[in-house]
Amino acid sequence: MTLRFLCLAPALLVLLSGCDALAPMPGRPDGVAEFPAADRSVPGTPSREADPFPDEDAREELGEAQTVIDLANIAAGMTVADIGAGEGYYTVRLATSVGEDGRVLAQDIDRDALERLGRRVERERLENISIKLGETDDPQLPVDSFDRIFLVHVYSEVSEPYAFMWRMWPALARGGEVIIVEYNRPTYAGGIPPQLLFCEMQAVGYKLVEFVERPDIKSYFTRFERGDERTEPSAIEVCTNK
């Protein structure tokens, strides 16, 4: 499969010009007026520590990344996206799993984190990774490109889930899947209850393929695929966060 990267960059050279969001209006971002607002709060993202990888050792002790990669059936030669990549815990491990014939796109809205990730990729000489600056309401992914799109402990932080997931839809290749891993917690506590996730994804037009509780990584794992059709923005029904 040929991956059509739009506004992407080699590892360290994060391409910013031409891909930035317009200046947001107070409240919600520009460009989401046709989409409903989600009925849930999004906790503020904690500031990143000076240590570039503050929790990787703890996550590795649980075997988190390998567990998720195995559940997602990642194979050599695949093209995958790591949304909310941060400093690359999943990115570098996905790069190893897809091999030199595969590709990984690391995307985040945090420029500083992507710069640190770029230095890491360069230091570890991982040549199958590209880096992209995203937006809060649009992942800005190339069309028909990805076998898997990962959002690991990220979906609960997406402030405009209906717009974001609607705009992600075309990026999946034929048979592609969205992998979402989350904490089963109230949204105000940094997670999302499974039923609320299912409802929001279904509202856009995605279909649940698999749901697995994984106490060993203190999370649940889900796989979604595109349904028969994507819901028109004006027809999206807001899910109630009870």
Protein backbone atom coordinates (compact mmCIF):
# COMPACT_ATOMS: atom_id res chain seq x y z
CA MET A 1 0.00 0.00 0.00
CA THR A 2 1.31 3.46 -0.84
CA LEU A 3 0.92 5.91 2.00
CA ARG A 4 0.00 9.40 0.85
CA PHE A 5 1.36 11.65 3.60
CA LEU A 6 -0.02 15.17 3.41
CA CYS A 7 1.85 17.89 5.31
CA LEU A 8 4.04 15.30 7.03
CA ALA A 9 7.69 15.51 7.93
CA PRO A 10 10.70 13.31 8.51
CA ALA A 11 11.23 12.53 12.16
CA LEU A 12 12.89 15.65 13.50
CA LEU A 13 11.53 18.15 10.98
CA VAL A 14 7.96 18.58 12.18
CA LEU A 15 6.20 20.38 9.36
CA LEU A 16 4.19 23.22 10.81
CA SER A 17 3.61 25.71 8.01
CA GLY A 18 0.42 25.07 6.08
CA CYS A 19 -0.96 22.60 8.63
CA ASP A 20 -1.73 24.84 11.60
CA ALA A 21 -5.28 25.35 12.80
CA LEU A 22 -6.92 28.71 12.39
CA ALA A 23 -6.99 30.83 15.53
CA PRO A 24 -9.73 29.32 17.71
CA MET A 25 -12.79 31.30 18.72
CA PRO A 26 -13.66 31.51 22.42
CA GLY A 27 -15.21 28.27 23.58
CA ARG A 28 -15.16 25.79 20.71
CA PRO A 29 -12.67 25.81 17.81
CA ASP A 30 -13.42 27.24 14.41
CA GLY A 31 -14.74 24.69 11.96
CA VAL A 32 -16.96 22.69 14.33
CA ALA A 33 -20.17 24.70 14.11
CA GLU A 34 -21.90 21.95 12.11
CA PHE A 35 -21.04 19.32 14.75
CA PRO A 36 -22.72 18.97 18.14
CA ALA A 37 -20.69 19.47 21.31
CA ALA A 38 -20.08 16.41 23.44
CA ASP A 39 -21.94 16.04 26.71
CA ARG A 40 -18.81 15.50 28.78
CA SER A 41 -15.97 17.38 30.33
CA VAL A 42 -12.37 16.96 29.26
CA PRO A 43 -9.87 17.27 32.09
CA GLY A 44 -6.87 19.47 31.48
CA THR A 45 -3.81 17.66 30.18
CA PRO A 46 -1.16 17.44 32.92
CA SER A 47 2.03 19.36 32.24
CA ARG A 48 4.85 17.16 31.01
CA GLU A 49 7.74 16.52 33.37
CA ALA A 50 11.38 17.29 32.62
CA ASP A 51 12.00 13.54 32.35
CA PRO A 52 11.08 12.87 28.69
CA PHE A 53 9.57 9.45 29.42
CA PRO A 54 8.23 9.64 32.98
CA ASP A 55 5.98 6.59 32.94
CA GLU A 56 7.47 4.24 30.36
CA ASP A 57 9.12 1.94 32.89
CA ALA A 58 5.86 1.48 34.76
CA ARG A 59 3.97 0.80 31.54
CA GLU A 60 6.59 -1.67 30.41
CA GLU A 61 6.37 -3.53 33.72
CA LEU A 62 2.71 -4.13 32.87
CA GLY A 63 3.58 -5.12 29.30
CA GLU A 64 1.04 -2.56 28.14
CA ALA A 65 2.25 -1.76 24.63
CA GLN A 66 2.89 -5.36 23.61
CA THR A 67 -0.50 -6.42 24.95
CA VAL A 68 -2.28 -3.74 22.92
CA ILE A 69 -0.21 -4.37 19.79
CA ASP A 70 -0.99 -8.09 19.98
CA LEU A 71 -4.72 -7.46 20.49
CA ALA A 72 -4.69 -5.12 17.48
CA ASN A 73 -3.17 -7.86 15.29
CA ILE A 74 -0.33 -5.66 14.07
CA ALA A 75 1.77 -7.30 11.37
CA ALA A 76 4.85 -6.44 9.37
CA GLY A 77 4.19 -4.10 6.46
CA MET A 78 1.17 -2.37 7.98
CA THR A 79 0.67 1.39 7.98
CA VAL A 80 -0.50 2.70 11.35
CA ALA A 81 -1.14 6.05 13.05
CA ASP A 82 -0.46 6.83 16.68
CA ILE A 83 -2.79 9.69 17.66
CA GLY A 84 -1.72 11.62 20.72
CA ALA A 85 1.71 10.07 20.36
CA GLY A 86 3.35 12.31 22.95
CA GLU A 87 6.98 11.33 23.31
CA GLY A 88 6.58 8.01 21.57
CA TYR A 89 5.92 5.14 23.96
CA TYR A 90 3.69 3.44 21.39
CA THR A 91 5.25 5.02 18.31
CA VAL A 92 8.67 3.40 18.67
CA ARG A 93 7.19 0.01 19.53
CA LEU A 94 4.77 0.13 16.63
CA ALA A 95 7.68 0.99 14.35
CA THR A 96 9.40 -2.24 15.41
CA SER A 97 6.20 -4.27 14.98
CA VAL A 98 5.44 -3.08 11.43
CA GLY A 99 9.06 -3.48 10.37
CA GLU A 100 11.03 -1.66 7.72
CA ASP A 101 8.32 -2.22 5.11
CA GLY A 102 5.66 -0.67 7.35
CA ARG A 103 5.05 2.95 8.27
CA VAL A 104 4.07 4.76 11.45
CA LEU A 105 2.64 8.27 11.62
CA ALA A 106 2.97 9.89 15.04
CA GLN A 107 0.48 12.73 15.55
CA ASP A 108 -0.07 15.08 18.46
CA ILE A 109 -1.26 18.62 19.14
CA ASP A 110 1.71 19.28 21.46
CA ARG A 111 4.58 20.79 19.44
CA ASP A 112 7.11 20.43 22.24
CA ALA A 113 6.33 16.74 22.71
CA LEU A 114 6.70 16.15 18.97
CA GLU A 115 10.06 17.88 18.95
CA ARG A 116 11.25 15.59 21.73
CA LEU A 117 9.83 12.61 19.86
CA GLY A 118 11.68 13.73 16.74
CA ARG A 119 14.96 13.75 18.63
CA ARG A 120 14.18 10.31 20.01
CA VAL A 121 13.39 8.89 16.59
CA GLU A 122 16.59 10.34 15.21
CA ARG A 123 18.61 9.04 18.15
CA GLU A 124 17.17 5.53 17.77
CA ARG A 125 17.49 5.69 13.97
CA LEU A 126 13.90 4.69 13.29
CA GLU A 127 13.45 5.44 9.61
CA ASN A 128 9.86 4.26 9.20
CA ILE A 129 8.32 7.01 11.37
CA SER A 130 6.89 10.35 10.25
CA ILE A 131 5.62 13.07 12.57
CA LYS A 132 2.60 15.34 12.15
CA LEU A 133 1.11 18.21 14.13
CA GLY A 134 -2.64 17.74 14.50
CA GLU A 135 -5.59 19.83 15.65
CA THR A 136 -8.06 19.40 18.47
CA ASP A 137 -10.97 18.83 16.09
CA ASP A 138 -9.22 17.25 13.10
CA PRO A 139 -6.47 14.59 12.98
CA GLN A 140 -5.60 15.78 9.46
CA LEU A 141 -4.72 12.32 8.22
CA PRO A 142 -4.24 11.38 4.56
CA VAL A 143 -7.15 9.59 2.91
CA ASP A 144 -7.29 5.79 2.54
CA SER A 145 -3.96 5.23 4.25
CA PHE A 146 -4.09 3.37 7.57
CA ASP A 147 -4.61 -0.24 8.54
CA ARG A 148 -4.84 0.76 12.19
CA ILE A 149 -5.31 4.10 13.95
CA PHE A 150 -4.43 4.05 17.65
CA LEU A 151 -5.84 6.33 20.35
CA VAL A 152 -4.41 5.04 23.62
CA HIS A 153 -5.64 7.01 26.64
CA VAL A 154 -6.30 9.82 24.17
CA TYR A 155 -9.96 9.60 23.16
CA SER A 156 -11.10 10.80 26.59
CA GLU A 157 -8.98 13.94 26.05
CA VAL A 158 -10.52 14.77 22.65
CA SER A 159 -12.66 17.82 23.30
CA GLU A 160 -14.54 17.60 19.96
CA PRO A 161 -15.02 13.84 19.51
CA TYR A 162 -17.80 14.05 16.91
CA ALA A 163 -15.85 16.33 14.59
CA PHE A 164 -12.54 14.56 15.25
CA MET A 165 -13.78 11.03 14.59
CA TRP A 166 -15.92 12.13 11.63
CA ARG A 167 -12.85 13.64 9.99
CA MET A 168 -10.79 10.55 10.80
CA TRP A 169 -13.18 8.26 8.89
CA PRO A 170 -11.67 8.71 5.38
CA ALA A 171 -8.14 7.96 6.63
CA LEU A 172 -8.85 4.27 7.17
CA ALA A 173 -7.77 1.94 4.41
CA ARG A 174 -10.05 -0.87 3.29
CA GLY A 175 -10.52 -3.16 6.29
CA GLY A 176 -8.83 -0.63 8.59
CA GLU A 177 -9.68 -0.33 12.27
CA VAL A 178 -9.59 2.29 15.00
CA ILE A 179 -8.02 1.00 18.22
CA ILE A 180 -9.11 2.81 21.38
CA VAL A 181 -7.70 1.96 24.81
CA GLU A 182 -9.13 3.78 27.80
CA TYR A 183 -9.58 3.74 31.55
CA ASN A 184 -13.03 2.77 32.73
CA ARG A 185 -13.50 5.92 34.79
CA PRO A 186 -15.84 8.91 34.76
CA THR A 187 -14.85 11.51 32.20
CA TYR A 188 -14.01 14.05 34.90
CA ALA A 189 -11.46 11.54 36.26
CA GLY A 190 -9.56 11.10 33.01
CA GLY A 191 -11.33 8.12 31.47
CA ILE A 192 -14.53 7.29 29.65
CA PRO A 193 -17.16 4.66 30.51
CA PRO A 194 -17.34 2.03 27.73
CA GLN A 195 -21.02 2.60 26.98
CA LEU A 196 -20.41 6.31 26.41
CA LEU A 197 -17.53 5.52 24.06
CA PHE A 198 -19.68 3.02 22.14
CA CYS A 199 -22.48 5.57 21.83
CA GLU A 200 -20.25 8.39 20.57
CA MET A 201 -18.53 6.19 18.01
CA GLN A 202 -21.84 4.75 16.80
CA ALA A 203 -23.27 8.26 16.52
CA VAL A 204 -20.61 9.08 13.91
CA GLY A 205 -21.07 5.79 12.05
CA TYR A 206 -18.43 3.44 13.45
CA LYS A 207 -19.20 -0.15 14.39
CA LEU A 208 -17.80 -1.91 17.45
CA VAL A 209 -15.79 -5.01 16.52
CA GLU A 210 -14.34 -6.02 19.87
CA PHE A 211 -14.38 -4.99 23.51
CA VAL A 212 -12.03 -6.58 26.03
CA GLU A 213 -11.52 -5.71 29.69
CA ARG A 214 -7.81 -5.91 30.51
CA PRO A 215 -7.19 -5.58 34.26
CA ASP A 216 -3.55 -6.48 33.63
CA ILE A 217 -3.03 -3.07 31.98
CA LYS A 218 -5.72 -1.36 34.06
CA SER A 219 -7.67 -0.47 30.91
CA TYR A 220 -10.13 -1.74 28.37
CA PHE A 221 -9.37 -2.40 24.70
CA THR A 222 -11.74 -1.72 21.80
CA ARG A 223 -11.63 -2.11 18.03
CA PHE A 224 -13.95 -0.21 15.69
CA GLU A 225 -14.46 -0.32 11.95
CA ARG A 226 -16.42 1.94 9.64
CA GLY A 227 -20.10 1.13 9.45
CA ASP A 228 -22.20 1.27 6.32
CA GLU A 229 -22.07 5.06 6.11
CA ARG A 230 -20.77 8.09 7.95
CA THR A 231 -23.47 10.10 9.71
CA GLU A 232 -24.03 13.60 8.38
CA PRO A 233 -22.85 16.15 10.98
CA SER A 234 -26.32 17.67 11.31
CA ALA A 235 -27.78 14.22 12.01
CA ILE A 236 -25.35 13.22 14.78
CA GLU A 237 -27.25 12.56 18.02
CA VAL A 238 -25.43 13.60 21.18
CA CYS A 239 -24.81 10.84 23.71
CA THR A 240 -25.81 11.58 27.29
CA ASN A 241 -23.05 11.28 29.86
CA LYS A 242 -24.95 9.95 32.87
